[in-house]
Amino acid sequence: MKKSLLYSYGFLIFLTLITALVSNSIIMSTFAVSLIMLFSAVKFLLVAFQFMELKKANSFWKMSLSLILGLMILLIIFIV
């Protein structure tokens, strides 16, 4: 198995634990929601590019995925 996949998996676990700590320790403010959304976006992109092999896809799909993700996160942050 590739070492990069193991490092990615370990980083995903680390981000999940940090997200759980942030959600349990900070009163749900805009900052906490923004931080959790940032961690979720990083995890989403890591899974998409590492495990779903989006890094080998056409640049159109890479850019459209990143753009839609950014718009969704901004929309959620502004609603909250």
PDB file of N, CA and C in Angstrom:
ATOM      1  N   MET A   1       0.843  -1.187   0.000  1.00  0.00           N
ATOM      2  CA  MET A   1       0.000   0.000   0.000  1.00  0.00           C
ATOM      3  C   MET A   1       0.887   1.248   0.000  1.00  0.00           C
ATOM      4  N   LYS A   2       0.443   2.276  -0.687  1.00  0.00           N
ATOM      5  CA  LYS A   2       1.234   3.493  -0.798  1.00  0.00           C
ATOM      6  C   LYS A   2       1.272   4.237   0.529  1.00  0.00           C
ATOM      7  N   LYS A   3       2.434   4.796   0.822  1.00  0.00           N
ATOM      8  CA  LYS A   3       2.567   5.574   2.053  1.00  0.00           C
ATOM      9  C   LYS A   3       1.726   6.841   2.023  1.00  0.00           C
ATOM     10  N   SER A   4       1.561   7.428   0.848  1.00  0.00           N
ATOM     11  CA  SER A   4       0.783   8.660   0.763  1.00  0.00           C
ATOM     12  C   SER A   4      -0.677   8.430   1.151  1.00  0.00           C
ATOM     13  N   LEU A   5      -1.211   7.245   0.830  1.00  0.00           N
ATOM     14  CA  LEU A   5      -2.582   6.935   1.225  1.00  0.00           C
ATOM     15  C   LEU A   5      -2.696   6.778   2.737  1.00  0.00           C
ATOM     16  N   LEU A   6      -1.686   6.180   3.347  1.00  0.00           N
ATOM     17  CA  LEU A   6      -1.695   6.031   4.803  1.00  0.00           C
ATOM     18  C   LEU A   6      -1.574   7.394   5.489  1.00  0.00           C
ATOM     19  N   TYR A   7      -0.737   8.257   4.952  1.00  0.00           N
ATOM     20  CA  TYR A   7      -0.612   9.601   5.516  1.00  0.00           C
ATOM     21  C   TYR A   7      -1.920  10.372   5.355  1.00  0.00           C
ATOM     22  N   SER A   8      -2.550  10.221   4.213  1.00  0.00           N
ATOM     23  CA  SER A   8      -3.831  10.887   3.988  1.00  0.00           C
ATOM     24  C   SER A   8      -4.888  10.380   4.949  1.00  0.00           C
ATOM     25  N   TYR A   9      -4.924   9.081   5.144  1.00  0.00           N
ATOM     26  CA  TYR A   9      -5.890   8.485   6.068  1.00  0.00           C
ATOM     27  C   TYR A   9      -5.645   8.964   7.499  1.00  0.00           C
ATOM     28  N   GLY A  10      -4.386   9.025   7.898  1.00  0.00           N
ATOM     29  CA  GLY A  10      -4.047   9.529   9.227  1.00  0.00           C
ATOM     30  C   GLY A  10      -4.436  10.985   9.394  1.00  0.00           C
ATOM     31  N   PHE A  11      -4.227  11.780   8.363  1.00  0.00           N
ATOM     32  CA  PHE A  11      -4.598  13.195   8.420  1.00  0.00           C
ATOM     33  C   PHE A  11      -6.112  13.360   8.481  1.00  0.00           C
ATOM     34  N   LEU A  12      -6.848  12.489   7.789  1.00  0.00           N
ATOM     35  CA  LEU A  12      -8.309  12.527   7.859  1.00  0.00           C
ATOM     36  C   LEU A  12      -8.795  12.214   9.276  1.00  0.00           C
ATOM     37  N   ILE A  13      -8.177  11.245   9.907  1.00  0.00           N
ATOM     38  CA  ILE A  13      -8.542  10.919  11.292  1.00  0.00           C
ATOM     39  C   ILE A  13      -8.223  12.088  12.208  1.00  0.00           C
ATOM     40  N   PHE A  14      -7.053  12.698  12.012  1.00  0.00           N
ATOM     41  CA  PHE A  14      -6.660  13.850  12.818  1.00  0.00           C
ATOM     42  C   PHE A  14      -7.652  14.995  12.657  1.00  0.00           C
ATOM     43  N   LEU A  15      -8.030  15.307  11.431  1.00  0.00           N
ATOM     44  CA  LEU A  15      -8.997  16.384  11.197  1.00  0.00           C
ATOM     45  C   LEU A  15     -10.360  16.068  11.802  1.00  0.00           C
ATOM     46  N   THR A  16     -10.753  14.814  11.760  1.00  0.00           N
ATOM     47  CA  THR A  16     -12.025  14.416  12.359  1.00  0.00           C
ATOM     48  C   THR A  16     -11.994  14.619  13.868  1.00  0.00           C
ATOM     49  N   LEU A  17     -10.890  14.248  14.504  1.00  0.00           N
ATOM     50  CA  LEU A  17     -10.771  14.442  15.951  1.00  0.00           C
ATOM     51  C   LEU A  17     -10.750  15.924  16.317  1.00  0.00           C
ATOM     52  N   ILE A  18     -10.040  16.729  15.549  1.00  0.00           N
ATOM     53  CA  ILE A  18     -10.002  18.168  15.804  1.00  0.00           C
ATOM     54  C   ILE A  18     -11.389  18.776  15.623  1.00  0.00           C
ATOM     55  N   THR A  19     -12.114  18.340  14.607  1.00  0.00           N
ATOM     56  CA  THR A  19     -13.476  18.840  14.388  1.00  0.00           C
ATOM     57  C   THR A  19     -14.379  18.487  15.566  1.00  0.00           C
ATOM     58  N   ALA A  20     -14.246  17.273  16.070  1.00  0.00           N
ATOM     59  CA  ALA A  20     -15.049  16.864  17.229  1.00  0.00           C
ATOM     60  C   ALA A  20     -14.702  17.702  18.454  1.00  0.00           C
ATOM     61  N   LEU A  21     -13.427  17.982  18.654  1.00  0.00           N
ATOM     62  CA  LEU A  21     -13.024  18.805  19.800  1.00  0.00           C
ATOM     63  C   LEU A  21     -13.550  20.229  19.678  1.00  0.00           C
ATOM     64  N   VAL A  22     -13.482  20.791  18.486  1.00  0.00           N
ATOM     65  CA  VAL A  22     -13.972  22.155  18.274  1.00  0.00           C
ATOM     66  C   VAL A  22     -15.474  22.221  18.494  1.00  0.00           C
ATOM     67  N   SER A  23     -16.185  21.222  17.998  1.00  0.00           N
ATOM     68  CA  SER A  23     -17.648  21.261  18.134  1.00  0.00           C
ATOM     69  C   SER A  23     -18.094  21.045  19.574  1.00  0.00           C
ATOM     70  N   ASN A  24     -17.286  20.371  20.376  1.00  0.00           N
ATOM     71  CA  ASN A  24     -17.663  20.134  21.772  1.00  0.00           C
ATOM     72  C   ASN A  24     -17.182  21.206  22.730  1.00  0.00           C
ATOM     73  N   SER A  25     -16.133  21.940  22.372  1.00  0.00           N
ATOM     74  CA  SER A  25     -15.539  22.857  23.339  1.00  0.00           C
ATOM     75  C   SER A  25     -15.910  24.317  23.127  1.00  0.00           C
ATOM     76  N   ILE A  26     -16.223  24.694  21.935  1.00  0.00           N
ATOM     77  CA  ILE A  26     -16.515  26.100  21.648  1.00  0.00           C
ATOM     78  C   ILE A  26     -18.021  26.264  21.502  1.00  0.00           C
ATOM     79  N   ILE A  27     -18.537  27.347  22.085  1.00  0.00           N
ATOM     80  CA  ILE A  27     -19.943  27.664  21.874  1.00  0.00           C
ATOM     81  C   ILE A  27     -20.128  27.917  20.383  1.00  0.00           C
ATOM     82  N   MET A  28     -21.204  27.398  19.828  1.00  0.00           N
ATOM     83  CA  MET A  28     -21.420  27.492  18.388  1.00  0.00           C
ATOM     84  C   MET A  28     -21.549  28.946  17.938  1.00  0.00           C
ATOM     85  N   SER A  29     -20.448  29.499  17.555  1.00  0.00           N
ATOM     86  CA  SER A  29     -20.420  30.853  17.014  1.00  0.00           C
ATOM     87  C   SER A  29     -20.098  30.766  15.535  1.00  0.00           C
ATOM     88  N   THR A  30     -20.072  31.906  14.907  1.00  0.00           N
ATOM     89  CA  THR A  30     -19.736  31.932  13.485  1.00  0.00           C
ATOM     90  C   THR A  30     -18.314  31.436  13.264  1.00  0.00           C
ATOM     91  N   PHE A  31     -17.426  31.752  14.195  1.00  0.00           N
ATOM     92  CA  PHE A  31     -16.044  31.294  14.075  1.00  0.00           C
ATOM     93  C   PHE A  31     -15.956  29.775  14.144  1.00  0.00           C
ATOM     94  N   ALA A  32     -16.682  29.168  15.081  1.00  0.00           N
ATOM     95  CA  ALA A  32     -16.656  27.713  15.220  1.00  0.00           C
ATOM     96  C   ALA A  32     -17.237  27.045  13.983  1.00  0.00           C
ATOM     97  N   VAL A  33     -18.332  27.581  13.472  1.00  0.00           N
ATOM     98  CA  VAL A  33     -18.942  27.016  12.265  1.00  0.00           C
ATOM     99  C   VAL A  33     -17.985  27.153  11.086  1.00  0.00           C
ATOM    100  N   SER A  34     -17.331  28.294  10.975  1.00  0.00           N
ATOM    101  CA  SER A  34     -16.371  28.507   9.882  1.00  0.00           C
ATOM    102  C   SER A  34     -15.202  27.535   9.982  1.00  0.00           C
ATOM    103  N   LEU A  35     -14.727  27.313  11.189  1.00  0.00           N
ATOM    104  CA  LEU A  35     -13.614  26.394  11.396  1.00  0.00           C
ATOM    105  C   LEU A  35     -14.013  24.961  11.045  1.00  0.00           C
ATOM    106  N   ILE A  36     -15.188  24.560  11.479  1.00  0.00           N
ATOM    107  CA  ILE A  36     -15.665  23.216  11.171  1.00  0.00           C
ATOM    108  C   ILE A  36     -15.872  23.054   9.668  1.00  0.00           C
ATOM    109  N   MET A  37     -16.399  24.084   9.009  1.00  0.00           N
ATOM    110  CA  MET A  37     -16.586  24.011   7.560  1.00  0.00           C
ATOM    111  C   MET A  37     -15.251  23.957   6.826  1.00  0.00           C
ATOM    112  N   LEU A  38     -14.263  24.668   7.324  1.00  0.00           N
ATOM    113  CA  LEU A  38     -12.930  24.622   6.720  1.00  0.00           C
ATOM    114  C   LEU A  38     -12.341  23.219   6.821  1.00  0.00           C
ATOM    115  N   PHE A  39     -12.434  22.622   8.009  1.00  0.00           N
ATOM    116  CA  PHE A  39     -11.924  21.258   8.188  1.00  0.00           C
ATOM    117  C   PHE A  39     -12.675  20.277   7.291  1.00  0.00           C
ATOM    118  N   SER A  40     -13.977  20.466   7.180  1.00  0.00           N
ATOM    119  CA  SER A  40     -14.775  19.577   6.329  1.00  0.00           C
ATOM    120  C   SER A  40     -14.393  19.723   4.859  1.00  0.00           C
ATOM    121  N   ALA A  41     -14.120  20.944   4.435  1.00  0.00           N
ATOM    122  CA  ALA A  41     -13.711  21.170   3.046  1.00  0.00           C
ATOM    123  C   ALA A  41     -12.364  20.515   2.751  1.00  0.00           C
ATOM    124  N   VAL A  42     -11.438  20.631   3.692  1.00  0.00           N
ATOM    125  CA  VAL A  42     -10.133  20.006   3.505  1.00  0.00           C
ATOM    126  C   VAL A  42     -10.285  18.490   3.427  1.00  0.00           C
ATOM    127  N   LYS A  43     -11.119  17.926   4.298  1.00  0.00           N
ATOM    128  CA  LYS A  43     -11.348  16.487   4.268  1.00  0.00           C
ATOM    129  C   LYS A  43     -12.011  16.063   2.956  1.00  0.00           C
ATOM    130  N   PHE A  44     -12.980  16.838   2.498  1.00  0.00           N
ATOM    131  CA  PHE A  44     -13.655  16.525   1.235  1.00  0.00           C
ATOM    132  C   PHE A  44     -12.674  16.530   0.072  1.00  0.00           C
ATOM    133  N   LEU A  45     -11.848  17.564  -0.007  1.00  0.00           N
ATOM    134  CA  LEU A  45     -10.883  17.654  -1.103  1.00  0.00           C
ATOM    135  C   LEU A  45      -9.834  16.553  -1.020  1.00  0.00           C
ATOM    136  N   LEU A  46      -9.423  16.219   0.191  1.00  0.00           N
ATOM    137  CA  LEU A  46      -8.437  15.154   0.363  1.00  0.00           C
ATOM    138  C   LEU A  46      -8.999  13.813  -0.109  1.00  0.00           C
ATOM    139  N   VAL A  47     -10.227  13.519   0.255  1.00  0.00           N
ATOM    140  CA  VAL A  47     -10.848  12.270  -0.198  1.00  0.00           C
ATOM    141  C   VAL A  47     -11.033  12.286  -1.710  1.00  0.00           C
ATOM    142  N   ALA A  48     -11.489  13.405  -2.243  1.00  0.00           N
ATOM    143  CA  ALA A  48     -11.740  13.474  -3.680  1.00  0.00           C
ATOM    144  C   ALA A  48     -10.452  13.321  -4.489  1.00  0.00           C
ATOM    145  N   PHE A  49      -9.399  13.980  -4.061  1.00  0.00           N
ATOM    146  CA  PHE A  49      -8.170  13.957  -4.858  1.00  0.00           C
ATOM    147  C   PHE A  49      -7.317  12.718  -4.600  1.00  0.00           C
ATOM    148  N   GLN A  50      -7.286  12.222  -3.358  1.00  0.00           N
ATOM    149  CA  GLN A  50      -6.443  11.073  -3.049  1.00  0.00           C
ATOM    150  C   GLN A  50      -7.134   9.743  -3.335  1.00  0.00           C
ATOM    151  N   PHE A  51      -8.321   9.574  -2.775  1.00  0.00           N
ATOM    152  CA  PHE A  51      -8.947   8.260  -2.814  1.00  0.00           C
ATOM    153  C   PHE A  51      -9.854   8.065  -4.028  1.00  0.00           C
ATOM    154  N   MET A  52     -10.420   9.147  -4.553  1.00  0.00           N
ATOM    155  CA  MET A  52     -11.257   9.030  -5.746  1.00  0.00           C
ATOM    156  C   MET A  52     -10.464   9.368  -7.006  1.00  0.00           C
ATOM    157  N   GLU A  53      -9.199   9.678  -6.840  1.00  0.00           N
ATOM    158  CA  GLU A  53      -8.248   9.956  -7.917  1.00  0.00           C
ATOM    159  C   GLU A  53      -8.704  11.065  -8.846  1.00  0.00           C
ATOM    160  N   LEU A  54      -9.236  12.109  -8.257  1.00  0.00           N
ATOM    161  CA  LEU A  54      -9.620  13.273  -9.046  1.00  0.00           C
ATOM    162  C   LEU A  54      -8.392  14.002  -9.579  1.00  0.00           C
ATOM    163  N   LYS A  55      -7.234  13.758  -8.953  1.00  0.00           N
ATOM    164  CA  LYS A  55      -6.015  14.426  -9.420  1.00  0.00           C
ATOM    165  C   LYS A  55      -5.637  14.015 -10.843  1.00  0.00           C
ATOM    166  N   LYS A  56      -6.175  12.898 -11.308  1.00  0.00           N
ATOM    167  CA  LYS A  56      -5.913  12.446 -12.681  1.00  0.00           C
ATOM    168  C   LYS A  56      -6.982  12.913 -13.664  1.00  0.00           C
ATOM    169  N   ALA A  57      -8.006  13.582 -13.168  1.00  0.00           N
ATOM    170  CA  ALA A  57      -9.119  14.006 -14.023  1.00  0.00           C
ATOM    171  C   ALA A  57      -8.766  15.285 -14.776  1.00  0.00           C
ATOM    172  N   ASN A  58      -9.646  15.655 -15.678  1.00  0.00           N
ATOM    173  CA  ASN A  58      -9.501  16.884 -16.444  1.00  0.00           C
ATOM    174  C   ASN A  58      -9.553  18.087 -15.499  1.00  0.00           C
ATOM    175  N   SER A  59      -8.838  19.137 -15.846  1.00  0.00           N
ATOM    176  CA  SER A  59      -8.790  20.316 -14.974  1.00  0.00           C
ATOM    177  C   SER A  59     -10.156  20.984 -14.823  1.00  0.00           C
ATOM    178  N   PHE A  60     -11.047  20.811 -15.798  1.00  0.00           N
ATOM    179  CA  PHE A  60     -12.394  21.355 -15.680  1.00  0.00           C
ATOM    180  C   PHE A  60     -13.100  20.781 -14.464  1.00  0.00           C
ATOM    181  N   TRP A  61     -12.985  19.487 -14.252  1.00  0.00           N
ATOM    182  CA  TRP A  61     -13.658  18.845 -13.128  1.00  0.00           C
ATOM    183  C   TRP A  61     -13.030  19.251 -11.807  1.00  0.00           C
ATOM    184  N   LYS A  62     -11.734  19.423 -11.795  1.00  0.00           N
ATOM    185  CA  LYS A  62     -11.056  19.867 -10.571  1.00  0.00           C
ATOM    186  C   LYS A  62     -11.518  21.269 -10.171  1.00  0.00           C
ATOM    187  N   MET A  63     -11.538  22.161 -11.151  1.00  0.00           N
ATOM    188  CA  MET A  63     -11.928  23.543 -10.871  1.00  0.00           C
ATOM    189  C   MET A  63     -13.411  23.650 -10.526  1.00  0.00           C
ATOM    190  N   SER A  64     -14.254  22.923 -11.231  1.00  0.00           N
ATOM    191  CA  SER A  64     -15.688  23.010 -10.952  1.00  0.00           C
ATOM    192  C   SER A  64     -16.007  22.447  -9.564  1.00  0.00           C
ATOM    193  N   LEU A  65     -15.354  21.371  -9.173  1.00  0.00           N
ATOM    194  CA  LEU A  65     -15.566  20.812  -7.844  1.00  0.00           C
ATOM    195  C   LEU A  65     -15.129  21.789  -6.768  1.00  0.00           C
ATOM    196  N   SER A  66     -13.972  22.395  -6.946  1.00  0.00           N
ATOM    197  CA  SER A  66     -13.468  23.360  -5.959  1.00  0.00           C
ATOM    198  C   SER A  66     -14.354  24.596  -5.894  1.00  0.00           C
ATOM    199  N   LEU A  67     -14.820  25.064  -7.029  1.00  0.00           N
ATOM    200  CA  LEU A  67     -15.687  26.243  -7.059  1.00  0.00           C
ATOM    201  C   LEU A  67     -17.028  25.973  -6.377  1.00  0.00           C
ATOM    202  N   ILE A  68     -17.630  24.857  -6.678  1.00  0.00           N
ATOM    203  CA  ILE A  68     -18.919  24.507  -6.058  1.00  0.00           C
ATOM    204  C   ILE A  68     -18.745  24.326  -4.552  1.00  0.00           C
ATOM    205  N   LEU A  69     -17.661  23.683  -4.142  1.00  0.00           N
ATOM    206  CA  LEU A  69     -17.399  23.502  -2.715  1.00  0.00           C
ATOM    207  C   LEU A  69     -17.252  24.843  -2.018  1.00  0.00           C
ATOM    208  N   GLY A  70     -16.494  25.746  -2.615  1.00  0.00           N
ATOM    209  CA  GLY A  70     -16.323  27.071  -2.026  1.00  0.00           C
ATOM    210  C   GLY A  70     -17.628  27.837  -1.921  1.00  0.00           C
ATOM    211  N   LEU A  71     -18.444  27.765  -2.958  1.00  0.00           N
ATOM    212  CA  LEU A  71     -19.744  28.444  -2.928  1.00  0.00           C
ATOM    213  C   LEU A  71     -20.666  27.857  -1.868  1.00  0.00           C
ATOM    214  N   MET A  72     -20.678  26.547  -1.737  1.00  0.00           N
ATOM    215  CA  MET A  72     -21.520  25.909  -0.723  1.00  0.00           C
ATOM    216  C   MET A  72     -21.090  26.293   0.690  1.00  0.00           C
ATOM    217  N   ILE A  73     -19.793  26.331   0.927  1.00  0.00           N
ATOM    218  CA  ILE A  73     -19.299  26.695   2.255  1.00  0.00           C
ATOM    219  C   ILE A  73     -19.645  28.148   2.575  1.00  0.00           C
ATOM    220  N   LEU A  74     -19.432  29.027   1.615  1.00  0.00           N
ATOM    221  CA  LEU A  74     -19.788  30.438   1.847  1.00  0.00           C
ATOM    222  C   LEU A  74     -21.277  30.605   2.095  1.00  0.00           C
ATOM    223  N   LEU A  75     -22.089  29.883   1.362  1.00  0.00           N
ATOM    224  CA  LEU A  75     -23.534  29.951   1.563  1.00  0.00           C
ATOM    225  C   LEU A  75     -23.926  29.485   2.961  1.00  0.00           C
ATOM    226  N   ILE A  76     -23.354  28.395   3.415  1.00  0.00           N
ATOM    227  CA  ILE A  76     -23.663  27.880   4.750  1.00  0.00           C
ATOM    228  C   ILE A  76     -23.202  28.850   5.824  1.00  0.00           C
ATOM    229  N   ILE A  77     -22.016  29.414   5.660  1.00  0.00           N
ATOM    230  CA  ILE A  77     -21.494  30.357   6.672  1.00  0.00           C
ATOM    231  C   ILE A  77     -22.366  31.613   6.732  1.00  0.00           C
ATOM    232  N   PHE A  78     -22.796  32.122   5.583  1.00  0.00           N
ATOM    233  CA  PHE A  78     -23.632  33.327   5.589  1.00  0.00           C
ATOM    234  C   PHE A  78     -25.032  33.067   6.125  1.00  0.00           C
ATOM    235  N   ILE A  79     -25.548  31.849   5.955  1.00  0.00           N
ATOM    236  CA  ILE A  79     -26.858  31.517   6.508  1.00  0.00           C
ATOM    237  C   ILE A  79     -26.797  31.435   8.026  1.00  0.00           C
ATOM    238  N   VAL A  80     -25.724  30.847   8.531  1.00  0.00           N
ATOM    239  CA  VAL A  80     -25.575  30.711   9.989  1.00  0.00           C
ATOM    240  C   VAL A  80     -25.176  32.055  10.540  1.00  0.00           C
TER     241      VAL A  80
END
